[in-house]
Amino acid sequence: MSTPSRIPYQSTSATSNTFNNKHINNNAQTNNHHSKQLQMSLIPIPVNELQDILPTPSKLTPSGDQYVTYLGRTPQQRFNSLFEGVSIAFLGSMFAYFISFVIGQFFATLLGIIFLFWPILSPEFKAYNRNWELVGGRDLVDVWMDEEDYNNGYYDLVPEDKRGLYGAYYVAQIEDVCVVDDVRASSEEEYDLDEFSGYTMATDELQSVTGLPWKLRLRLLDDEGRGMHVHSRMSEDYLDIQPGMNAVGVLLSTSKKFGKLAGMSDFCILDDVDGVAVSWVGDYPYLDKDMFLRTLNENGVTDSLLLDYDEDSDLIEEDTEIEEDTRVEEDKDEADEEYITVR
């Protein structure tokens, strides 16, 4: 695959770890449709829902997708994982044999068994540790229960950023999608996603040369003007993503205003026509996909996004009809003028 041409892009103000809280002035585009849209860019999540869709201190066991992430998604990744596991197993078994003269045969045998099965256990331990890092052992705080407890004096002496993590759905629209070779790349160093139509993770030419793969960059923008950059290793699963699609993820913060993020899940990209999940963007699958989609349907988030799309379609059709009627009236007036001139 040849190196794609660079594309210019006028970047909006956005950050990767914090929200841009500057509201965009859309007075020139304001109409009745915007007033009908649900302002649901950040939807607080109760603790019981967070525990169902995310790894929590009480649920750190890796899922199948999380295990496969560290086992390897490409043949090269699986070979590297297996080579690392076999090397550690061999060296660990030798270490267990020599240390058996010090700690005894029984404990050395148990240690040797652990090293022997390390190629299988290694992805499990790594995924378990990654799940723990998401919350870092901190408690999940319910927004509504927190207010009640605060009024009762329970949190009088505890600062807000020490109470735990608040969770919220972040519902946004994809403003732009492109590919970069580094997450620090400027807007002038971005590549059009269409240039990667034949891309696969197993044949990443940039990784074969530099050791670092291509990165997908998403620019997200919600209804309230908050922007965010999301980067993930490029994958063939991302080739169908287009600007205008909806993205939903989970944000964690120590503040109820979510001015600074403490954690972020992967993002579900939803088709703006039928609400079907097009792709899941993220280096690590924190979300329980089935439970997450079920929760979105139960909460009405998916239906609201489809409703907004239907309203947009109706407005476009109305504008088209008005333009056609105006064009017909203009043609009729021109015909009348020509008829009068001829007479």
C-alpha atoms as a PDB file:
ATOM      1  CA  MET A   1       0.000   0.000   0.000  1.00  0.00           C
ATOM      2  CA  SER A   2       1.526   3.309  -1.072  1.00  0.00           C
ATOM      3  CA  THR A   3       1.732   6.245   1.308  1.00  0.00           C
ATOM      4  CA  PRO A   4      -1.562   8.179   1.057  1.00  0.00           C
ATOM      5  CA  SER A   5      -1.665  11.868   0.259  1.00  0.00           C
ATOM      6  CA  ARG A   6      -2.038  14.362   3.080  1.00  0.00           C
ATOM      7  CA  ILE A   7      -5.306  16.199   3.510  1.00  0.00           C
ATOM      8  CA  PRO A   8      -5.794  19.685   4.948  1.00  0.00           C
ATOM      9  CA  TYR A   9      -8.202  20.083   7.839  1.00  0.00           C
ATOM     10  CA  GLN A  10      -9.255  23.109   9.839  1.00  0.00           C
ATOM     11  CA  SER A  11      -9.145  21.722  13.355  1.00  0.00           C
ATOM     12  CA  THR A  12     -11.658  22.749  15.975  1.00  0.00           C
ATOM     13  CA  SER A  13     -10.606  23.392  19.561  1.00  0.00           C
ATOM     14  CA  ALA A  14     -10.537  20.030  21.318  1.00  0.00           C
ATOM     15  CA  THR A  15      -8.409  18.012  23.699  1.00  0.00           C
ATOM     16  CA  SER A  16      -7.772  14.332  24.254  1.00  0.00           C
ATOM     17  CA  ASN A  17      -8.073  14.138  28.035  1.00  0.00           C
ATOM     18  CA  THR A  18     -10.279  17.065  28.952  1.00  0.00           C
ATOM     19  CA  PHE A  19     -13.435  18.603  27.571  1.00  0.00           C
ATOM     20  CA  ASN A  20     -13.488  21.842  25.693  1.00  0.00           C
ATOM     21  CA  ASN A  21     -16.312  23.596  27.535  1.00  0.00           C
ATOM     22  CA  LYS A  22     -16.481  26.523  25.140  1.00  0.00           C
ATOM     23  CA  HIS A  23     -19.930  26.589  23.590  1.00  0.00           C
ATOM     24  CA  ILE A  24     -20.007  27.048  19.862  1.00  0.00           C
ATOM     25  CA  ASN A  25     -22.084  29.945  18.624  1.00  0.00           C
ATOM     26  CA  ASN A  26     -24.586  28.572  16.149  1.00  0.00           C
ATOM     27  CA  ASN A  27     -26.914  31.550  15.980  1.00  0.00           C
ATOM     28  CA  ALA A  28     -26.704  31.571  12.231  1.00  0.00           C
ATOM     29  CA  GLN A  29     -27.905  27.981  12.080  1.00  0.00           C
ATOM     30  CA  THR A  30     -30.382  27.976  14.935  1.00  0.00           C
ATOM     31  CA  ASN A  31     -33.904  26.832  14.052  1.00  0.00           C
ATOM     32  CA  ASN A  32     -36.850  25.018  15.532  1.00  0.00           C
ATOM     33  CA  HIS A  33     -35.177  21.665  15.006  1.00  0.00           C
ATOM     34  CA  HIS A  34     -32.333  22.464  17.406  1.00  0.00           C
ATOM     35  CA  SER A  35     -34.768  23.344  20.137  1.00  0.00           C
ATOM     36  CA  LYS A  36     -36.412  19.941  19.748  1.00  0.00           C
ATOM     37  CA  GLN A  37     -33.169  17.979  20.109  1.00  0.00           C
ATOM     38  CA  LEU A  38     -32.518  16.319  23.425  1.00  0.00           C
ATOM     39  CA  GLN A  39     -29.563  17.912  25.210  1.00  0.00           C
ATOM     40  CA  MET A  40     -28.199  14.582  26.376  1.00  0.00           C
ATOM     41  CA  SER A  41     -24.509  14.904  25.615  1.00  0.00           C
ATOM     42  CA  LEU A  42     -23.614  13.786  29.161  1.00  0.00           C
ATOM     43  CA  ILE A  43     -26.024  11.381  30.809  1.00  0.00           C
ATOM     44  CA  PRO A  44     -25.201  10.406  34.427  1.00  0.00           C
ATOM     45  CA  ILE A  45     -24.993   6.664  34.992  1.00  0.00           C
ATOM     46  CA  PRO A  46     -26.164   4.996  38.211  1.00  0.00           C
ATOM     47  CA  VAL A  47     -23.664   2.772  39.970  1.00  0.00           C
ATOM     48  CA  ASN A  48     -25.618  -0.402  39.220  1.00  0.00           C
ATOM     49  CA  GLU A  49     -25.430   0.302  35.465  1.00  0.00           C
ATOM     50  CA  LEU A  50     -21.706   1.053  35.636  1.00  0.00           C
ATOM     51  CA  GLN A  51     -21.138  -2.256  37.359  1.00  0.00           C
ATOM     52  CA  ASP A  52     -22.942  -4.033  34.503  1.00  0.00           C
ATOM     53  CA  ILE A  53     -21.077  -2.443  31.592  1.00  0.00           C
ATOM     54  CA  LEU A  54     -17.575  -1.716  32.978  1.00  0.00           C
ATOM     55  CA  PRO A  55     -14.920  -3.523  35.012  1.00  0.00           C
ATOM     56  CA  THR A  56     -15.293  -2.562  38.664  1.00  0.00           C
ATOM     57  CA  PRO A  57     -13.382  -3.473  41.828  1.00  0.00           C
ATOM     58  CA  SER A  58     -15.907  -6.271  42.368  1.00  0.00           C
ATOM     59  CA  LYS A  59     -15.815  -7.476  38.727  1.00  0.00           C
ATOM     60  CA  LEU A  60     -12.289  -7.583  37.355  1.00  0.00           C
ATOM     61  CA  THR A  61     -12.367 -10.978  35.631  1.00  0.00           C
ATOM     62  CA  PRO A  62     -11.437 -10.410  31.952  1.00  0.00           C
ATOM     63  CA  SER A  63     -13.949 -11.119  29.220  1.00  0.00           C
ATOM     64  CA  GLY A  64     -13.148 -13.036  26.043  1.00  0.00           C
ATOM     65  CA  ASP A  65     -12.485  -9.873  24.038  1.00  0.00           C
ATOM     66  CA  GLN A  66     -10.184  -8.537  26.743  1.00  0.00           C
ATOM     67  CA  TYR A  67      -8.238 -11.808  26.871  1.00  0.00           C
ATOM     68  CA  VAL A  68      -7.818 -11.850  23.073  1.00  0.00           C
ATOM     69  CA  THR A  69      -6.504  -8.269  23.144  1.00  0.00           C
ATOM     70  CA  TYR A  70      -3.416  -9.388  25.067  1.00  0.00           C
ATOM     71  CA  LEU A  71      -3.199 -12.771  23.368  1.00  0.00           C
ATOM     72  CA  GLY A  72      -2.896 -10.955  20.036  1.00  0.00           C
ATOM     73  CA  ARG A  73      -5.190  -9.969  17.190  1.00  0.00           C
ATOM     74  CA  THR A  74      -2.749 -10.569  14.353  1.00  0.00           C
ATOM     75  CA  PRO A  75      -0.457 -13.540  13.653  1.00  0.00           C
ATOM     76  CA  GLN A  76       2.589 -11.438  14.540  1.00  0.00           C
ATOM     77  CA  GLN A  77       1.057 -10.352  17.863  1.00  0.00           C
ATOM     78  CA  ARG A  78       0.116 -13.917  18.750  1.00  0.00           C
ATOM     79  CA  PHE A  79       3.619 -15.114  17.876  1.00  0.00           C
ATOM     80  CA  ASN A  80       5.185 -12.433  20.075  1.00  0.00           C
ATOM     81  CA  SER A  81       2.820 -13.283  22.944  1.00  0.00           C
ATOM     82  CA  LEU A  82       3.546 -16.998  22.610  1.00  0.00           C
ATOM     83  CA  PHE A  83       7.310 -16.436  22.358  1.00  0.00           C
ATOM     84  CA  GLU A  84       7.271 -14.260  25.465  1.00  0.00           C
ATOM     85  CA  GLY A  85       5.175 -16.797  27.376  1.00  0.00           C
ATOM     86  CA  VAL A  86       7.342 -19.780  26.373  1.00  0.00           C
ATOM     87  CA  SER A  87      10.544 -17.914  27.240  1.00  0.00           C
ATOM     88  CA  ILE A  88       9.249 -17.008  30.689  1.00  0.00           C
ATOM     89  CA  ALA A  89       7.970 -20.556  31.188  1.00  0.00           C
ATOM     90  CA  PHE A  90      11.396 -22.061  30.360  1.00  0.00           C
ATOM     91  CA  LEU A  91      13.389 -19.627  32.482  1.00  0.00           C
ATOM     92  CA  GLY A  92      10.850 -19.839  35.305  1.00  0.00           C
ATOM     93  CA  SER A  93      10.985 -23.634  35.350  1.00  0.00           C
ATOM     94  CA  MET A  94      14.758 -23.549  35.602  1.00  0.00           C
ATOM     95  CA  PHE A  95      14.502 -20.990  38.383  1.00  0.00           C
ATOM     96  CA  ALA A  96      11.964 -23.155  40.245  1.00  0.00           C
ATOM     97  CA  TYR A  97      14.289 -26.150  39.983  1.00  0.00           C
ATOM     98  CA  PHE A  98      17.296 -24.351  41.485  1.00  0.00           C
ATOM     99  CA  ILE A  99      15.278 -22.614  44.185  1.00  0.00           C
ATOM    100  CA  SER A 100      13.783 -25.954  45.265  1.00  0.00           C
ATOM    101  CA  PHE A 101      17.012 -26.580  47.193  1.00  0.00           C
ATOM    102  CA  VAL A 102      16.228 -23.486  49.264  1.00  0.00           C
ATOM    103  CA  ILE A 103      12.448 -23.361  49.741  1.00  0.00           C
ATOM    104  CA  GLY A 104      11.695 -27.058  49.421  1.00  0.00           C
ATOM    105  CA  GLN A 105      10.205 -29.322  46.759  1.00  0.00           C
ATOM    106  CA  PHE A 106       6.534 -28.552  47.413  1.00  0.00           C
ATOM    107  CA  PHE A 107       6.650 -24.758  46.992  1.00  0.00           C
ATOM    108  CA  ALA A 108       9.106 -25.028  44.105  1.00  0.00           C
ATOM    109  CA  THR A 109       6.709 -27.396  42.315  1.00  0.00           C
ATOM    110  CA  LEU A 110       3.814 -24.942  42.699  1.00  0.00           C
ATOM    111  CA  LEU A 111       6.002 -22.125  41.365  1.00  0.00           C
ATOM    112  CA  GLY A 112       7.111 -24.302  38.464  1.00  0.00           C
ATOM    113  CA  ILE A 113       3.507 -25.116  37.528  1.00  0.00           C
ATOM    114  CA  ILE A 114       2.674 -21.396  37.424  1.00  0.00           C
ATOM    115  CA  PHE A 115       5.628 -20.735  35.130  1.00  0.00           C
ATOM    116  CA  LEU A 116       4.769 -23.742  32.997  1.00  0.00           C
ATOM    117  CA  PHE A 117       1.265 -22.414  32.243  1.00  0.00           C
ATOM    118  CA  TRP A 118       2.431 -18.807  31.895  1.00  0.00           C
ATOM    119  CA  PRO A 119       1.736 -18.652  28.106  1.00  0.00           C
ATOM    120  CA  ILE A 120      -1.955 -19.228  28.946  1.00  0.00           C
ATOM    121  CA  LEU A 121      -2.084 -17.247  32.185  1.00  0.00           C
ATOM    122  CA  SER A 122      -0.183 -14.185  30.962  1.00  0.00           C
ATOM    123  CA  PRO A 123      -3.006 -12.598  28.880  1.00  0.00           C
ATOM    124  CA  GLU A 124      -5.397 -13.224  31.767  1.00  0.00           C
ATOM    125  CA  PHE A 125      -3.174 -11.456  34.305  1.00  0.00           C
ATOM    126  CA  LYS A 126      -2.471  -8.529  31.966  1.00  0.00           C
ATOM    127  CA  ALA A 127      -6.161  -8.005  31.217  1.00  0.00           C
ATOM    128  CA  TYR A 128      -6.996  -8.275  34.918  1.00  0.00           C
ATOM    129  CA  ASN A 129      -4.438  -5.589  35.717  1.00  0.00           C
ATOM    130  CA  ARG A 130      -5.773  -3.364  32.901  1.00  0.00           C
ATOM    131  CA  ASN A 131      -9.294  -3.677  34.299  1.00  0.00           C
ATOM    132  CA  TRP A 132      -8.080  -2.690  37.744  1.00  0.00           C
ATOM    133  CA  GLU A 133      -6.243   0.351  36.369  1.00  0.00           C
ATOM    134  CA  LEU A 134      -9.478   1.796  34.945  1.00  0.00           C
ATOM    135  CA  VAL A 135     -10.865   2.626  38.391  1.00  0.00           C
ATOM    136  CA  GLY A 136      -7.638   2.213  40.370  1.00  0.00           C
ATOM    137  CA  GLY A 137      -9.451   0.643  43.304  1.00  0.00           C
ATOM    138  CA  ARG A 138     -11.662   3.728  43.744  1.00  0.00           C
ATOM    139  CA  ASP A 139     -15.336   3.448  44.563  1.00  0.00           C
ATOM    140  CA  LEU A 140     -18.020   4.319  42.053  1.00  0.00           C
ATOM    141  CA  VAL A 141     -20.221   7.178  43.210  1.00  0.00           C
ATOM    142  CA  ASP A 142     -23.881   7.578  42.332  1.00  0.00           C
ATOM    143  CA  VAL A 143     -24.660  11.203  41.491  1.00  0.00           C
ATOM    144  CA  TRP A 144     -28.098  11.212  43.101  1.00  0.00           C
ATOM    145  CA  MET A 145     -27.166   9.219  46.200  1.00  0.00           C
ATOM    146  CA  ASP A 146     -24.126  11.424  46.635  1.00  0.00           C
ATOM    147  CA  GLU A 147     -26.305  14.528  46.864  1.00  0.00           C
ATOM    148  CA  GLU A 148     -28.520  12.896  49.486  1.00  0.00           C
ATOM    149  CA  ASP A 149     -25.536  11.764  51.516  1.00  0.00           C
ATOM    150  CA  TYR A 150     -24.004  15.198  51.226  1.00  0.00           C
ATOM    151  CA  ASN A 151     -27.154  16.830  52.545  1.00  0.00           C
ATOM    152  CA  ASN A 152     -27.129  14.423  55.463  1.00  0.00           C
ATOM    153  CA  GLY A 153     -23.605  15.508  56.356  1.00  0.00           C
ATOM    154  CA  TYR A 154     -21.873  12.290  55.318  1.00  0.00           C
ATOM    155  CA  TYR A 155     -19.489  14.045  52.908  1.00  0.00           C
ATOM    156  CA  ASP A 156     -19.046  17.278  54.826  1.00  0.00           C
ATOM    157  CA  LEU A 157     -15.359  16.590  55.463  1.00  0.00           C
ATOM    158  CA  VAL A 158     -14.535  14.754  52.224  1.00  0.00           C
ATOM    159  CA  PRO A 159     -13.530  16.819  49.149  1.00  0.00           C
ATOM    160  CA  GLU A 160     -15.451  16.076  45.978  1.00  0.00           C
ATOM    161  CA  ASP A 161     -12.396  14.716  44.149  1.00  0.00           C
ATOM    162  CA  LYS A 162     -11.800  12.191  46.951  1.00  0.00           C
ATOM    163  CA  ARG A 163     -15.264  10.631  47.033  1.00  0.00           C
ATOM    164  CA  GLY A 164     -14.792   8.294  44.079  1.00  0.00           C
ATOM    165  CA  LEU A 165     -15.600   8.189  40.379  1.00  0.00           C
ATOM    166  CA  TYR A 166     -18.720   9.500  38.680  1.00  0.00           C
ATOM    167  CA  GLY A 167     -19.793   7.937  35.420  1.00  0.00           C
ATOM    168  CA  ALA A 168     -21.669   9.359  32.446  1.00  0.00           C
ATOM    169  CA  TYR A 169     -22.549   8.394  28.895  1.00  0.00           C
ATOM    170  CA  TYR A 170     -20.894  10.723  26.416  1.00  0.00           C
ATOM    171  CA  VAL A 171     -23.078  11.024  23.326  1.00  0.00           C
ATOM    172  CA  ALA A 172     -21.457  12.878  20.427  1.00  0.00           C
ATOM    173  CA  GLN A 173     -21.284  13.062  16.674  1.00  0.00           C
ATOM    174  CA  ILE A 174     -18.203  12.305  14.612  1.00  0.00           C
ATOM    175  CA  GLU A 175     -17.062  15.630  13.205  1.00  0.00           C
ATOM    176  CA  ASP A 176     -14.108  14.174  11.327  1.00  0.00           C
ATOM    177  CA  VAL A 177     -12.295  10.856  10.943  1.00  0.00           C
ATOM    178  CA  CYS A 178      -8.749  10.482   9.646  1.00  0.00           C
ATOM    179  CA  VAL A 179      -5.514   8.516  10.086  1.00  0.00           C
ATOM    180  CA  VAL A 180      -2.223   9.716  11.589  1.00  0.00           C
ATOM    181  CA  ASP A 181       1.167   8.164  12.177  1.00  0.00           C
ATOM    182  CA  ASP A 182       1.441   9.633  15.681  1.00  0.00           C
ATOM    183  CA  VAL A 183      -1.095  10.868  18.203  1.00  0.00           C
ATOM    184  CA  ARG A 184       0.804  14.178  18.395  1.00  0.00           C
ATOM    185  CA  ALA A 185       0.501  14.752  14.660  1.00  0.00           C
ATOM    186  CA  SER A 186      -0.900  18.121  13.593  1.00  0.00           C
ATOM    187  CA  SER A 187      -3.882  18.639  11.309  1.00  0.00           C
ATOM    188  CA  GLU A 188      -1.517  19.050   8.338  1.00  0.00           C
ATOM    189  CA  GLU A 189      -0.172  15.532   8.941  1.00  0.00           C
ATOM    190  CA  GLU A 190      -3.509  13.752   8.708  1.00  0.00           C
ATOM    191  CA  TYR A 191      -4.478  11.232   6.018  1.00  0.00           C
ATOM    192  CA  ASP A 192      -7.871  10.555   4.517  1.00  0.00           C
ATOM    193  CA  LEU A 193      -9.433   7.306   5.721  1.00  0.00           C
ATOM    194  CA  ASP A 194     -10.518   6.525   2.153  1.00  0.00           C
ATOM    195  CA  GLU A 195      -6.852   6.055   1.235  1.00  0.00           C
ATOM    196  CA  PHE A 196      -6.738   3.011   3.561  1.00  0.00           C
ATOM    197  CA  SER A 197      -9.472   0.996   1.828  1.00  0.00           C
ATOM    198  CA  GLY A 198      -7.298  -2.120   1.621  1.00  0.00           C
ATOM    199  CA  TYR A 199      -5.710  -1.788   5.061  1.00  0.00           C
ATOM    200  CA  THR A 200      -5.353  -4.700   7.473  1.00  0.00           C
ATOM    201  CA  MET A 201      -3.594  -4.853  10.814  1.00  0.00           C
ATOM    202  CA  ALA A 202      -1.536  -7.822   9.641  1.00  0.00           C
ATOM    203  CA  THR A 203      -0.120  -5.875   6.666  1.00  0.00           C
ATOM    204  CA  ASP A 204       0.549  -2.519   8.342  1.00  0.00           C
ATOM    205  CA  GLU A 205       3.494  -1.156   6.350  1.00  0.00           C
ATOM    206  CA  LEU A 206       4.252   1.621   8.818  1.00  0.00           C
ATOM    207  CA  GLN A 207       4.610  -0.896  11.645  1.00  0.00           C
ATOM    208  CA  SER A 208       6.865  -3.115   9.551  1.00  0.00           C
ATOM    209  CA  VAL A 209       9.207  -0.156   8.955  1.00  0.00           C
ATOM    210  CA  THR A 210       9.085   1.852  12.184  1.00  0.00           C
ATOM    211  CA  GLY A 211       7.574  -0.630  14.628  1.00  0.00           C
ATOM    212  CA  LEU A 212       4.637   1.715  15.289  1.00  0.00           C
ATOM    213  CA  PRO A 213       1.239   1.187  13.595  1.00  0.00           C
ATOM    214  CA  TRP A 214      -1.070   3.745  12.024  1.00  0.00           C
ATOM    215  CA  LYS A 215      -3.511   5.477  14.400  1.00  0.00           C
ATOM    216  CA  LEU A 216      -7.148   6.317  13.822  1.00  0.00           C
ATOM    217  CA  ARG A 217      -8.181   9.802  14.931  1.00  0.00           C
ATOM    218  CA  LEU A 218     -11.781  10.716  15.677  1.00  0.00           C
ATOM    219  CA  ARG A 219     -12.936  14.261  16.346  1.00  0.00           C
ATOM    220  CA  LEU A 220     -16.084  14.164  18.425  1.00  0.00           C
ATOM    221  CA  LEU A 221     -18.407  17.075  19.095  1.00  0.00           C
ATOM    222  CA  ASP A 222     -21.536  17.001  21.238  1.00  0.00           C
ATOM    223  CA  ASP A 223     -24.634  19.197  21.253  1.00  0.00           C
ATOM    224  CA  GLU A 224     -23.165  21.495  23.886  1.00  0.00           C
ATOM    225  CA  GLY A 225     -19.956  22.264  22.011  1.00  0.00           C
ATOM    226  CA  ARG A 226     -17.633  19.944  23.939  1.00  0.00           C
ATOM    227  CA  GLY A 227     -14.974  18.436  21.713  1.00  0.00           C
ATOM    228  CA  MET A 228     -12.706  15.440  22.106  1.00  0.00           C
ATOM    229  CA  HIS A 229      -9.969  13.666  20.174  1.00  0.00           C
ATOM    230  CA  VAL A 230     -10.011   9.863  20.331  1.00  0.00           C
ATOM    231  CA  HIS A 231      -7.020   7.857  19.088  1.00  0.00           C
ATOM    232  CA  SER A 232      -6.808   4.128  18.557  1.00  0.00           C
ATOM    233  CA  ARG A 233      -4.604   1.748  16.647  1.00  0.00           C
ATOM    234  CA  MET A 234      -5.806   1.542  13.071  1.00  0.00           C
ATOM    235  CA  SER A 235      -7.862  -1.542  12.224  1.00  0.00           C
ATOM    236  CA  GLU A 236      -9.775  -2.847   9.243  1.00  0.00           C
ATOM    237  CA  ASP A 237     -12.851  -2.705  11.454  1.00  0.00           C
ATOM    238  CA  TYR A 238     -12.732   1.116  11.278  1.00  0.00           C
ATOM    239  CA  LEU A 239     -12.948   1.469   7.489  1.00  0.00           C
ATOM    240  CA  ASP A 240     -16.744   1.945   7.498  1.00  0.00           C
ATOM    241  CA  ILE A 241     -16.695   4.866   9.947  1.00  0.00           C
ATOM    242  CA  GLN A 242     -17.903   8.131   8.419  1.00  0.00           C
ATOM    243  CA  PRO A 243     -18.346  11.707   9.641  1.00  0.00           C
ATOM    244  CA  GLY A 244     -21.846  12.322  10.932  1.00  0.00           C
ATOM    245  CA  MET A 245     -22.168   8.962  12.680  1.00  0.00           C
ATOM    246  CA  ASN A 246     -22.933   8.900  16.397  1.00  0.00           C
ATOM    247  CA  ALA A 247     -20.412   7.823  19.036  1.00  0.00           C
ATOM    248  CA  VAL A 248     -21.315   6.729  22.561  1.00  0.00           C
ATOM    249  CA  GLY A 249     -18.852   5.946  25.318  1.00  0.00           C
ATOM    250  CA  VAL A 250     -18.469   6.089  29.087  1.00  0.00           C
ATOM    251  CA  LEU A 251     -16.482   8.796  30.837  1.00  0.00           C
ATOM    252  CA  LEU A 252     -15.268   8.665  34.433  1.00  0.00           C
ATOM    253  CA  SER A 253     -14.398  11.721  36.492  1.00  0.00           C
ATOM    254  CA  THR A 254     -13.823  12.721  40.084  1.00  0.00           C
ATOM    255  CA  SER A 255     -16.011  15.779  39.472  1.00  0.00           C
ATOM    256  CA  LYS A 256     -19.706  15.873  38.689  1.00  0.00           C
ATOM    257  CA  LYS A 257     -19.007  18.594  36.121  1.00  0.00           C
ATOM    258  CA  PHE A 258     -16.598  16.287  34.234  1.00  0.00           C
ATOM    259  CA  GLY A 259     -14.141  19.128  33.722  1.00  0.00           C
ATOM    260  CA  LYS A 260     -11.245  16.666  33.961  1.00  0.00           C
ATOM    261  CA  LEU A 261     -11.404  13.004  33.045  1.00  0.00           C
ATOM    262  CA  ALA A 262     -10.136  10.195  35.240  1.00  0.00           C
ATOM    263  CA  GLY A 263     -10.960   7.395  32.827  1.00  0.00           C
ATOM    264  CA  MET A 264     -12.536   6.658  29.470  1.00  0.00           C
ATOM    265  CA  SER A 265     -13.918   3.519  27.870  1.00  0.00           C
ATOM    266  CA  ASP A 266     -13.882   2.502  24.246  1.00  0.00           C
ATOM    267  CA  PHE A 267     -16.517   4.081  21.985  1.00  0.00           C
ATOM    268  CA  CYS A 268     -19.416   2.444  20.203  1.00  0.00           C
ATOM    269  CA  ILE A 269     -20.014   3.897  16.722  1.00  0.00           C
ATOM    270  CA  LEU A 270     -23.691   3.761  15.798  1.00  0.00           C
ATOM    271  CA  ASP A 271     -25.177   4.014  12.326  1.00  0.00           C
ATOM    272  CA  ASP A 272     -27.282   7.168  12.147  1.00  0.00           C
ATOM    273  CA  VAL A 273     -29.904   5.398   9.995  1.00  0.00           C
ATOM    274  CA  ASP A 274     -30.851   2.252  11.898  1.00  0.00           C
ATOM    275  CA  GLY A 275     -28.811   2.543  15.124  1.00  0.00           C
ATOM    276  CA  VAL A 276     -26.754  -0.601  14.458  1.00  0.00           C
ATOM    277  CA  ALA A 277     -23.268  -0.738  15.984  1.00  0.00           C
ATOM    278  CA  VAL A 278     -20.848  -0.133  13.097  1.00  0.00           C
ATOM    279  CA  SER A 279     -17.617  -0.482  15.073  1.00  0.00           C
ATOM    280  CA  TRP A 280     -16.022  -0.267  18.523  1.00  0.00           C
ATOM    281  CA  VAL A 281     -13.132   2.193  18.690  1.00  0.00           C
ATOM    282  CA  GLY A 282     -10.514   1.783  21.387  1.00  0.00           C
ATOM    283  CA  ASP A 283      -7.220   0.064  22.126  1.00  0.00           C
ATOM    284  CA  TYR A 284      -8.845  -2.016  24.867  1.00  0.00           C
ATOM    285  CA  PRO A 285     -12.464  -3.290  25.061  1.00  0.00           C
ATOM    286  CA  TYR A 286     -13.536  -2.083  28.494  1.00  0.00           C
ATOM    287  CA  LEU A 287     -17.242  -2.194  27.662  1.00  0.00           C
ATOM    288  CA  ASP A 288     -19.383  -5.290  27.841  1.00  0.00           C
ATOM    289  CA  LYS A 289     -20.743  -4.894  24.307  1.00  0.00           C
ATOM    290  CA  ASP A 290     -24.001  -6.803  24.623  1.00  0.00           C
ATOM    291  CA  MET A 291     -24.892  -5.255  27.976  1.00  0.00           C
ATOM    292  CA  PHE A 292     -23.904  -1.787  26.770  1.00  0.00           C
ATOM    293  CA  LEU A 293     -26.157  -1.926  23.699  1.00  0.00           C
ATOM    294  CA  ARG A 294     -28.993  -3.367  25.754  1.00  0.00           C
ATOM    295  CA  THR A 295     -28.626  -0.564  28.294  1.00  0.00           C
ATOM    296  CA  LEU A 296     -28.647   2.104  25.567  1.00  0.00           C
ATOM    297  CA  ASN A 297     -31.859   0.659  24.181  1.00  0.00           C
ATOM    298  CA  GLU A 298     -33.481   0.485  27.596  1.00  0.00           C
ATOM    299  CA  ASN A 299     -32.490   4.069  28.418  1.00  0.00           C
ATOM    300  CA  GLY A 300     -33.824   5.360  25.111  1.00  0.00           C
ATOM    301  CA  VAL A 301     -30.478   6.754  23.963  1.00  0.00           C
ATOM    302  CA  THR A 302     -30.542   4.835  20.672  1.00  0.00           C
ATOM    303  CA  ASP A 303     -34.143   5.849  19.966  1.00  0.00           C
ATOM    304  CA  SER A 304     -33.314   9.499  20.650  1.00  0.00           C
ATOM    305  CA  LEU A 305     -30.427   9.430  18.184  1.00  0.00           C
ATOM    306  CA  LEU A 306     -32.640   7.878  15.516  1.00  0.00           C
ATOM    307  CA  LEU A 307     -35.344  10.464  16.252  1.00  0.00           C
ATOM    308  CA  ASP A 308     -32.844  13.271  15.695  1.00  0.00           C
ATOM    309  CA  TYR A 309     -31.834  11.675  12.394  1.00  0.00           C
ATOM    310  CA  ASP A 310     -35.462  11.388  11.269  1.00  0.00           C
ATOM    311  CA  GLU A 311     -36.048  15.056  12.117  1.00  0.00           C
ATOM    312  CA  ASP A 312     -32.953  16.025  10.142  1.00  0.00           C
ATOM    313  CA  SER A 313     -34.186  13.992   7.180  1.00  0.00           C
ATOM    314  CA  ASP A 314     -37.620  15.637   7.356  1.00  0.00           C
ATOM    315  CA  LEU A 315     -36.037  19.095   7.447  1.00  0.00           C
ATOM    316  CA  ILE A 316     -33.859  18.270   4.441  1.00  0.00           C
ATOM    317  CA  GLU A 317     -36.909  17.037   2.526  1.00  0.00           C
ATOM    318  CA  GLU A 318     -38.848  20.172   3.451  1.00  0.00           C
ATOM    319  CA  ASP A 319     -35.976  22.406   2.332  1.00  0.00           C
ATOM    320  CA  THR A 320     -35.745  20.457  -0.923  1.00  0.00           C
ATOM    321  CA  GLU A 321     -39.471  20.833  -1.553  1.00  0.00           C
ATOM    322  CA  ILE A 322     -39.308  24.575  -0.841  1.00  0.00           C
ATOM    323  CA  GLU A 323     -36.390  24.981  -3.241  1.00  0.00           C
ATOM    324  CA  GLU A 324     -38.238  23.032  -5.931  1.00  0.00           C
ATOM    325  CA  ASP A 325     -41.400  25.105  -5.452  1.00  0.00           C
ATOM    326  CA  THR A 326     -39.360  28.298  -5.590  1.00  0.00           C
ATOM    327  CA  ARG A 327     -37.639  27.108  -8.760  1.00  0.00           C
ATOM    328  CA  VAL A 328     -40.989  26.260 -10.358  1.00  0.00           C
ATOM    329  CA  GLU A 329     -42.386  29.700  -9.490  1.00  0.00           C
ATOM    330  CA  GLU A 330     -39.299  31.383 -10.936  1.00  0.00           C
ATOM    331  CA  ASP A 331     -39.572  29.356 -14.148  1.00  0.00           C
ATOM    332  CA  LYS A 332     -43.258  30.242 -14.381  1.00  0.00           C
ATOM    333  CA  ASP A 333     -42.528  33.959 -13.939  1.00  0.00           C
ATOM    334  CA  GLU A 334     -39.820  33.801 -16.609  1.00  0.00           C
ATOM    335  CA  ALA A 335     -42.226  32.054 -18.984  1.00  0.00           C
ATOM    336  CA  ASP A 336     -44.887  34.721 -18.409  1.00  0.00           C
ATOM    337  CA  GLU A 337     -42.350  37.470 -19.070  1.00  0.00           C
ATOM    338  CA  GLU A 338     -41.281  35.796 -22.319  1.00  0.00           C
ATOM    339  CA  TYR A 339     -44.942  35.433 -23.399  1.00  0.00           C
ATOM    340  CA  ILE A 340     -45.640  39.128 -22.748  1.00  0.00           C
ATOM    341  CA  THR A 341     -42.471  40.124 -24.612  1.00  0.00           C
ATOM    342  CA  VAL A 342     -43.425  38.048 -27.661  1.00  0.00           C
ATOM    343  CA  ARG A 343     -46.884  39.557 -27.784  1.00  0.00           C
END
